[in-house]
Structure formats: structure tokens, C-alpha cells
């Protein structure tokens, strides 16, 4: 019977992680890595990516969770995940 145990994660709704960082925090570094490979300037682009990640982490620490998803929806009209009902993101005034 002890072999039938199932390991459960500690956080059910936790964001996807890559090493010590969440996926949205490490995304600037990864994108600058690809840009640096294409352009041929790997070290400067990685440095810029790490600086962007540092300031982005400060922005996320100062604001509530879900800020990146909110900004992505508010300014671009894009959603990540499965949503059933979503109001128009470009409509700034809602009349009830």
C-alpha cells in the first residue's frame, strides 16, 4: 500500500516555474537571449534582459498578483487560459 501514494503539489494554483523564477519573470531574459543570438551580441543582450527582469520583479512585488495578465488583457486584448465570459477590453466605460 505505501507504493500507491500520490505526490500532490504544495500549491495548486501556483504559476509555472523555471528554476527559482516564475515564467513571466524569466521571459525577458529568454527573449533577449534569442535576440542576442540572432544579432550576434549575446552578452549585452543578456545583460539587458537581466536588468529588465530586475525592474520587472520590483514592479511585480509592488503590485498585486496577476498584474502581467491584467496588463496583457487591458492593453492588448489578449487572454491566457480558458475564460468563459470576457467583456470587451477596449470598452472603457461599462453601462449597467
Protein backbone atom coordinates (compact mmCIF):
# COMPACT_ATOMS: atom_id res chain seq x y z
CA UNK A 1 0.00 0.00 0.00
CA UNK A 2 2.78 2.59 0.63
CA UNK A 3 3.77 2.34 -3.05
CA UNK A 4 0.34 3.62 -4.10
CA UNK A 5 0.83 7.10 -2.61
CA UNK A 6 0.46 10.03 -4.96
CA UNK A 7 2.57 13.15 -4.53
CA UNK A 8 0.50 16.33 -4.54
CA UNK A 9 1.95 19.78 -5.27
CA UNK A 10 2.07 22.26 -2.40
CA UNK A 11 0.31 24.98 -4.38
CA UNK A 12 -2.47 24.09 -6.76
CA UNK A 13 -2.74 27.47 -8.49
CA UNK A 14 0.95 28.34 -8.49
CA UNK A 15 2.42 29.91 -11.61
CA UNK A 16 4.74 27.85 -13.83
CA UNK A 17 8.31 27.98 -12.52
CA UNK A 18 11.70 27.78 -14.22
CA UNK A 19 14.40 27.19 -11.58
CA UNK A 20 13.81 29.95 -9.00
CA UNK A 21 11.77 32.34 -11.11
CA UNK A 22 8.24 32.33 -12.42
CA UNK A 23 7.85 32.06 -16.15
CA UNK A 24 6.83 35.68 -16.65
CA UNK A 25 9.87 36.91 -14.68
CA UNK A 26 12.39 34.91 -16.74
CA UNK A 27 10.73 35.67 -20.09
CA UNK A 28 12.69 38.93 -20.70
CA UNK A 29 15.99 37.08 -20.21
CA UNK A 30 14.98 34.27 -22.56
CA UNK A 31 13.74 36.69 -25.22
CA UNK A 32 16.91 38.78 -25.00
CA UNK A 33 18.93 35.57 -25.24
CA UNK A 34 17.28 34.76 -28.57
CA UNK A 35 17.68 38.34 -29.82
CA UNK A 36 21.36 38.25 -28.81
CA UNK A 37 21.90 35.01 -30.70
CA UNK A 38 20.24 36.40 -33.84
CA UNK A 39 22.02 39.75 -33.70
CA UNK A 40 25.36 38.30 -32.63
CA UNK A 41 25.63 40.29 -29.38
CA UNK A 42 24.86 37.69 -26.73
CA UNK A 43 26.45 39.24 -23.62
CA UNK A 44 24.98 42.76 -23.99
CA UNK A 45 21.51 41.37 -24.70
CA UNK A 46 21.68 39.01 -21.71
CA UNK A 47 22.73 41.94 -19.53
CA UNK A 48 19.79 43.99 -20.80
CA UNK A 49 17.48 41.01 -20.15
CA UNK A 50 18.71 40.65 -16.55
CA UNK A 51 18.22 44.39 -15.93
CA UNK A 52 14.69 44.24 -17.37
CA UNK A 53 13.97 41.20 -15.19
CA UNK A 54 15.21 43.04 -12.08
CA UNK A 55 12.93 46.02 -12.65
CA UNK A 56 10.03 43.74 -13.61
CA UNK A 57 10.43 41.82 -10.34
CA UNK A 58 10.32 45.12 -8.44
CA UNK A 59 7.16 46.07 -10.33
CA UNK A 60 5.53 42.73 -9.50
CA UNK A 61 6.49 42.97 -5.83
CA UNK A 62 4.91 46.42 -5.56
CA UNK A 63 1.60 45.35 -7.18
CA UNK A 64 -0.93 42.58 -6.56
CA UNK A 65 -0.68 39.15 -8.16
CA UNK A 66 -1.85 38.84 -11.74
CA UNK A 67 -0.56 42.25 -12.85
CA UNK A 68 1.03 40.92 -16.04
CA UNK A 69 -2.17 39.14 -17.08
CA UNK A 70 -4.19 42.24 -16.31
CA UNK A 71 -1.93 44.49 -18.39
CA UNK A 72 -1.86 41.99 -21.25
CA UNK A 73 -5.66 41.91 -21.28
CA UNK A 74 -6.17 45.65 -20.73
CA UNK A 75 -3.78 46.98 -23.37
CA UNK A 76 -3.62 44.14 -25.92
CA UNK A 77 -6.98 42.42 -25.51
CA UNK A 78 -5.26 39.03 -25.11
CA UNK A 79 -6.15 36.42 -22.53
CA UNK A 80 -4.15 33.45 -21.38
CA UNK A 81 -6.06 30.42 -20.24
CA UNK A 82 -9.63 29.39 -20.71
CA UNK A 83 -12.20 32.05 -19.97
CA UNK A 84 -15.91 31.56 -20.48
CA UNK A 85 -17.15 35.15 -20.48
CA UNK A 86 -14.94 38.15 -21.13
CA UNK A 87 -16.08 41.73 -21.68
CA UNK A 88 -14.59 43.79 -24.49
CA UNK A 89 -11.17 45.04 -23.27
CA UNK A 90 -11.31 48.11 -25.48
CA UNK A 91 -14.57 49.34 -23.95
CA UNK A 92 -13.51 51.62 -21.08
CA UNK A 93 -16.98 52.53 -19.83
CA UNK A 94 -19.49 49.89 -18.82
CA UNK A 95 -23.16 50.85 -18.58
CA UNK A 96 -25.34 48.72 -16.36
